[in-house]
Amino acid sequence: MKTNHKIYLLIVSLVLVGSAFAQEKKIKRSELPAAVEKTVVEQSKGATIRGFNEEKENGQTTYEVEMVVNGHTKDVQMDANGAVIEIEEQVDLQAVSGDVKAGLQAKAGKGKIAKIESITKKDKLVAYEAQVVTDGKKSEVQVGPDGKPLDHEE
């Protein structure tokens, strides 16, 4: 009987923990609030739109448009009023400073950097994020705009 009780507690714990995390779902453009649609039109000039997401986290709903601009990815996250919260935009490895390259590679260890994105919040570059492949497994690492480790992930 004790084993069943432990399993039950484990399941309840997992459900509670899972509900605390963000819940993201794909949505159609027609489901965007009008203010978000207006921002999407402004942000997507010259881009190919790949899709839209709605995310609920801590009672807040945000929206994201995934795009391709001039051959690179650009994701724009907005609040329900259409205000831009964050932009993640793919950048070429050659376009980042030597300090950023070195910082990302140091965090990647023996892994291979597959893709780098700049992360901008409130019109300010706050970090660079790299997708890393190590022994066939994907992960992400971040450094600040100066290539130094961050106090917290963006």
Protein backbone atom coordinates (compact mmCIF):
# COMPACT_ATOMS: atom_id res chain seq x y z
CA MET A 1 0.00 0.00 0.00
CA LYS A 2 2.87 2.41 0.73
CA THR A 3 4.16 2.06 -2.85
CA ASN A 4 0.80 3.14 -4.30
CA HIS A 5 0.76 6.15 -1.99
CA LYS A 6 4.26 7.17 -3.14
CA ILE A 7 3.28 6.82 -6.80
CA TYR A 8 0.16 8.92 -6.18
CA LEU A 9 2.25 11.64 -4.48
CA LEU A 10 4.75 11.58 -7.34
CA ILE A 11 1.98 11.99 -9.93
CA VAL A 12 0.35 14.85 -8.00
CA SER A 13 3.74 16.56 -7.60
CA LEU A 14 4.48 16.28 -11.33
CA VAL A 15 1.06 17.70 -12.23
CA LEU A 16 1.54 20.66 -9.88
CA VAL A 17 5.07 21.35 -11.12
CA GLY A 18 3.97 21.04 -14.76
CA SER A 19 1.19 23.56 -14.30
CA ALA A 20 3.67 26.15 -12.98
CA PHE A 21 5.59 26.17 -16.26
CA ALA A 22 4.63 28.12 -19.35
CA GLN A 23 2.07 26.54 -21.61
CA GLU A 24 2.70 27.36 -25.26
CA LYS A 25 0.36 26.45 -28.08
CA LYS A 26 0.27 27.10 -31.82
CA ILE A 27 -2.52 29.42 -32.89
CA LYS A 28 -3.87 30.86 -36.14
CA ARG A 29 -3.32 34.47 -37.14
CA SER A 30 -7.08 35.04 -36.88
CA GLU A 31 -6.83 34.27 -33.13
CA LEU A 32 -4.46 37.19 -32.42
CA PRO A 33 -5.85 40.19 -30.53
CA ALA A 34 -6.15 43.30 -32.75
CA ALA A 35 -3.27 45.11 -31.00
CA VAL A 36 -0.99 42.10 -31.48
CA GLU A 37 -1.98 41.83 -35.15
CA LYS A 38 -1.02 45.49 -35.63
CA THR A 39 2.45 44.85 -34.16
CA VAL A 40 2.83 41.70 -36.28
CA VAL A 41 2.18 43.77 -39.43
CA GLU A 42 4.84 46.31 -38.36
CA GLN A 43 7.43 43.69 -37.31
CA SER A 44 6.97 41.34 -40.27
CA LYS A 45 7.60 43.77 -43.16
CA GLY A 46 9.70 41.90 -45.74
CA ALA A 47 9.50 38.65 -43.76
CA THR A 48 7.95 35.24 -44.33
CA ILE A 49 5.76 34.31 -41.37
CA ARG A 50 6.18 30.70 -40.22
CA GLY A 51 3.63 30.67 -37.41
CA PHE A 52 2.15 32.05 -34.22
CA ASN A 53 2.20 30.91 -30.59
CA GLU A 54 0.23 31.85 -27.52
CA GLU A 55 1.88 31.32 -24.15
CA LYS A 56 0.36 31.50 -20.70
CA GLU A 57 2.75 31.85 -17.79
CA ASN A 58 2.02 33.08 -14.27
CA GLY A 59 -1.40 34.34 -15.37
CA GLN A 60 0.09 36.41 -18.23
CA THR A 61 -0.66 35.71 -21.88
CA THR A 62 1.95 36.54 -24.51
CA TYR A 63 2.05 36.03 -28.25
CA GLU A 64 4.92 35.15 -30.54
CA VAL A 65 5.34 35.44 -34.28
CA GLU A 66 7.99 33.22 -35.89
CA MET A 67 9.46 34.65 -39.10
CA VAL A 68 12.25 34.30 -41.61
CA VAL A 69 13.88 37.59 -42.69
CA ASN A 70 16.61 37.63 -45.35
CA GLY A 71 17.28 33.93 -44.74
CA HIS A 72 17.53 34.06 -40.94
CA THR A 73 15.01 33.43 -38.17
CA LYS A 74 13.40 36.17 -36.11
CA ASP A 75 10.91 35.56 -33.30
CA VAL A 76 9.04 38.47 -31.75
CA GLN A 77 7.20 38.07 -28.44
CA MET A 78 4.47 40.58 -27.52
CA ASP A 79 2.09 41.15 -24.65
CA ALA A 80 -1.68 41.17 -25.21
CA ASN A 81 -1.52 44.94 -25.93
CA GLY A 82 0.94 44.41 -28.79
CA ALA A 83 3.97 45.79 -26.91
CA VAL A 84 7.17 44.00 -27.93
CA ILE A 85 8.67 42.12 -24.98
CA GLU A 86 11.52 40.25 -26.62
CA ILE A 87 13.12 39.68 -30.03
CA GLU A 88 15.29 36.66 -30.76
CA GLU A 89 17.08 37.08 -34.08
CA GLN A 90 19.55 34.75 -35.72
CA VAL A 91 22.99 36.25 -36.31
CA ASP A 92 26.00 34.94 -38.22
CA LEU A 93 28.94 33.70 -36.16
CA GLN A 94 31.14 36.16 -38.09
CA ALA A 95 28.89 39.05 -37.03
CA VAL A 96 29.51 38.66 -33.29
CA SER A 97 32.58 39.98 -31.49
CA GLY A 98 35.54 37.79 -30.61
CA ASP A 99 34.60 38.07 -26.93
CA VAL A 100 31.08 36.75 -27.63
CA LYS A 101 32.43 33.88 -29.78
CA ALA A 102 34.94 32.95 -27.07
CA GLY A 103 32.32 33.17 -24.31
CA LEU A 104 29.83 31.01 -26.19
CA GLN A 105 32.49 28.43 -27.09
CA ALA A 106 33.71 28.30 -23.49
CA LYS A 107 30.17 27.54 -22.32
CA ALA A 108 29.64 25.07 -25.19
CA GLY A 109 32.72 23.10 -24.16
CA LYS A 110 33.41 20.37 -26.70
CA GLY A 111 30.03 20.99 -28.35
CA LYS A 112 29.60 22.50 -31.82
CA ILE A 113 27.76 25.82 -32.07
CA ALA A 114 24.94 25.34 -34.59
CA LYS A 115 23.07 28.66 -34.45
CA ILE A 116 23.43 31.99 -32.63
CA GLU A 117 20.61 34.38 -31.77
CA SER A 118 20.69 37.85 -30.28
CA ILE A 119 18.15 38.47 -27.51
CA THR A 120 16.77 42.00 -27.30
CA LYS A 121 14.43 43.25 -24.56
CA LYS A 122 13.03 46.79 -24.40
CA ASP A 123 15.16 47.75 -27.43
CA LYS A 124 18.34 46.68 -25.61
CA LEU A 125 20.61 43.78 -26.53
CA VAL A 126 20.73 41.67 -23.34
CA ALA A 127 22.33 38.39 -24.44
CA TYR A 128 23.46 36.01 -27.15
CA GLU A 129 22.16 32.47 -27.16
CA ALA A 130 23.75 29.59 -29.03
CA GLN A 131 22.30 26.22 -29.92
CA VAL A 132 24.96 23.64 -29.20
CA VAL A 133 25.23 20.05 -30.43
CA THR A 134 27.29 17.72 -28.24
CA ASP A 135 27.40 14.01 -29.13
CA GLY A 136 24.14 14.40 -31.07
CA LYS A 137 22.32 16.13 -28.19
CA LYS A 138 21.08 19.71 -28.49
CA SER A 139 21.33 22.30 -25.73
CA GLU A 140 21.52 26.07 -25.39
CA VAL A 141 24.06 28.38 -23.77
CA GLN A 142 23.92 32.14 -23.19
CA VAL A 143 26.40 34.94 -22.61
CA GLY A 144 26.00 38.68 -22.16
CA PRO A 145 26.54 41.19 -24.98
CA ASP A 146 30.17 41.41 -23.80
CA GLY A 147 30.70 37.63 -24.01
CA LYS A 148 30.81 37.21 -20.23
CA PRO A 149 28.60 34.71 -18.33
CA LEU A 150 25.19 36.02 -17.23
CA ASP A 151 23.98 36.21 -13.64
CA HIS A 152 20.71 34.66 -14.88
CA GLU A 153 19.47 33.34 -18.21
CA GLU A 154 17.38 35.67 -20.35
